[in-house]
Protein backbone atom coordinates (compact mmCIF):
# COMPACT_ATOMS: atom_id res chain seq x y z
CA UNK A 1 -3.84 -14.35 -10.21
CA UNK A 2 -7.21 -14.27 -8.54
CA UNK A 3 -7.94 -11.55 -5.99
CA UNK A 4 -10.42 -12.29 -3.25
CA UNK A 5 -12.52 -9.42 -1.79
CA UNK A 6 -10.93 -10.09 1.58
CA UNK A 7 -11.58 -11.43 5.05
CA UNK A 8 -12.14 -9.04 7.99
CA UNK A 9 -10.15 -9.50 11.21
CA UNK A 10 -9.76 -7.02 14.11
CA UNK A 11 -10.10 -3.85 12.04
CA UNK A 12 -8.07 -5.23 9.16
CA UNK A 13 -8.88 -6.90 5.86
CA UNK A 14 -6.80 -9.83 4.64
CA UNK A 15 -6.79 -9.93 0.84
CA UNK A 16 -5.51 -13.20 -0.66
CA UNK A 17 -3.96 -12.87 -4.12
CA UNK A 18 -3.27 -16.53 -4.82
CA UNK A 19 -1.14 -17.18 -7.90
CA UNK A 20 -1.14 -20.49 -9.75
CA UNK A 21 2.41 -21.50 -10.67
CA UNK A 22 3.56 -23.23 -13.87
CA UNK A 23 3.78 -26.55 -12.02
CA UNK A 24 0.12 -26.30 -10.90
CA UNK A 25 0.86 -25.34 -7.29
CA UNK A 26 -0.55 -22.18 -5.68
CA UNK A 27 1.57 -19.38 -4.23
CA UNK A 28 0.33 -17.63 -1.10
CA UNK A 29 0.56 -13.93 -2.04
CA UNK A 30 -1.57 -11.47 -0.06
CA UNK A 31 -2.01 -8.08 1.60
CA UNK A 32 -3.07 -7.08 5.08
CA UNK A 33 -4.94 -3.78 4.92
CA UNK A 34 -6.40 -1.54 7.61
CA UNK A 35 -8.57 1.54 7.63
CA UNK A 36 -6.93 4.62 9.06
CA UNK A 37 -8.63 8.01 8.90
CA UNK A 38 -11.20 6.71 6.43
CA UNK A 39 -8.68 5.40 3.91
CA UNK A 40 -7.36 1.89 3.51
CA UNK A 41 -3.64 1.37 4.04
CA UNK A 42 -1.53 -1.69 3.24
CA UNK A 43 0.23 -2.73 6.46
CA UNK A 44 1.87 -5.91 5.13
CA UNK A 45 2.19 -7.46 1.71
CA UNK A 46 3.71 -10.57 0.26
CA UNK A 47 4.04 -10.48 -3.51
CA UNK A 48 6.91 -12.89 -4.03
CA UNK A 49 5.82 -16.51 -3.76
CA UNK A 50 7.65 -17.78 -0.67
CA UNK A 51 5.14 -20.48 0.23
CA UNK A 52 3.43 -22.76 -2.30
CA UNK A 53 0.66 -25.29 -1.77
CA UNK A 54 -0.98 -28.04 -3.81
CA UNK A 55 -4.44 -26.41 -3.68
CA UNK A 56 -5.81 -22.87 -3.61
CA UNK A 57 -7.76 -23.67 -0.42
CA UNK A 58 -4.55 -24.67 1.37
CA UNK A 59 -2.87 -21.44 0.24
CA UNK A 60 -5.78 -19.36 1.59
CA UNK A 61 -5.77 -21.30 4.88
CA UNK A 62 -2.06 -20.51 5.28
CA UNK A 63 -2.66 -16.84 4.45
CA UNK A 64 -5.42 -16.53 7.07
CA UNK A 65 -3.36 -18.32 9.74
CA UNK A 66 -0.25 -16.21 9.07
CA UNK A 67 -2.26 -12.97 8.86
CA UNK A 68 -4.16 -13.60 12.10
CA UNK A 69 -0.88 -14.12 13.96
CA UNK A 70 0.69 -11.04 12.32
CA UNK A 71 -2.30 -8.82 13.15
CA UNK A 72 -2.36 -10.06 16.76
CA UNK A 73 1.34 -9.18 17.15
CA UNK A 74 1.20 -5.83 15.32
CA UNK A 75 -1.82 -4.01 16.70
CA UNK A 76 -1.90 -0.22 16.37
């Protein structure tokens, strides 16, 4: 599993944790984190591969699209 340092979006940080599967596909695992009171808190996480893609770039694109929608709908 490779962990990316994260992408900022509206006070949150989206952290892709893309996992390559045995068949060569890439699972879109990730966390959505936010800073509250100076500490970072996980607000959403997906650890179980529910969506897989043929390339790592496609997995990250899905993660960013999903996360942007989730953040927009779940503001503080």
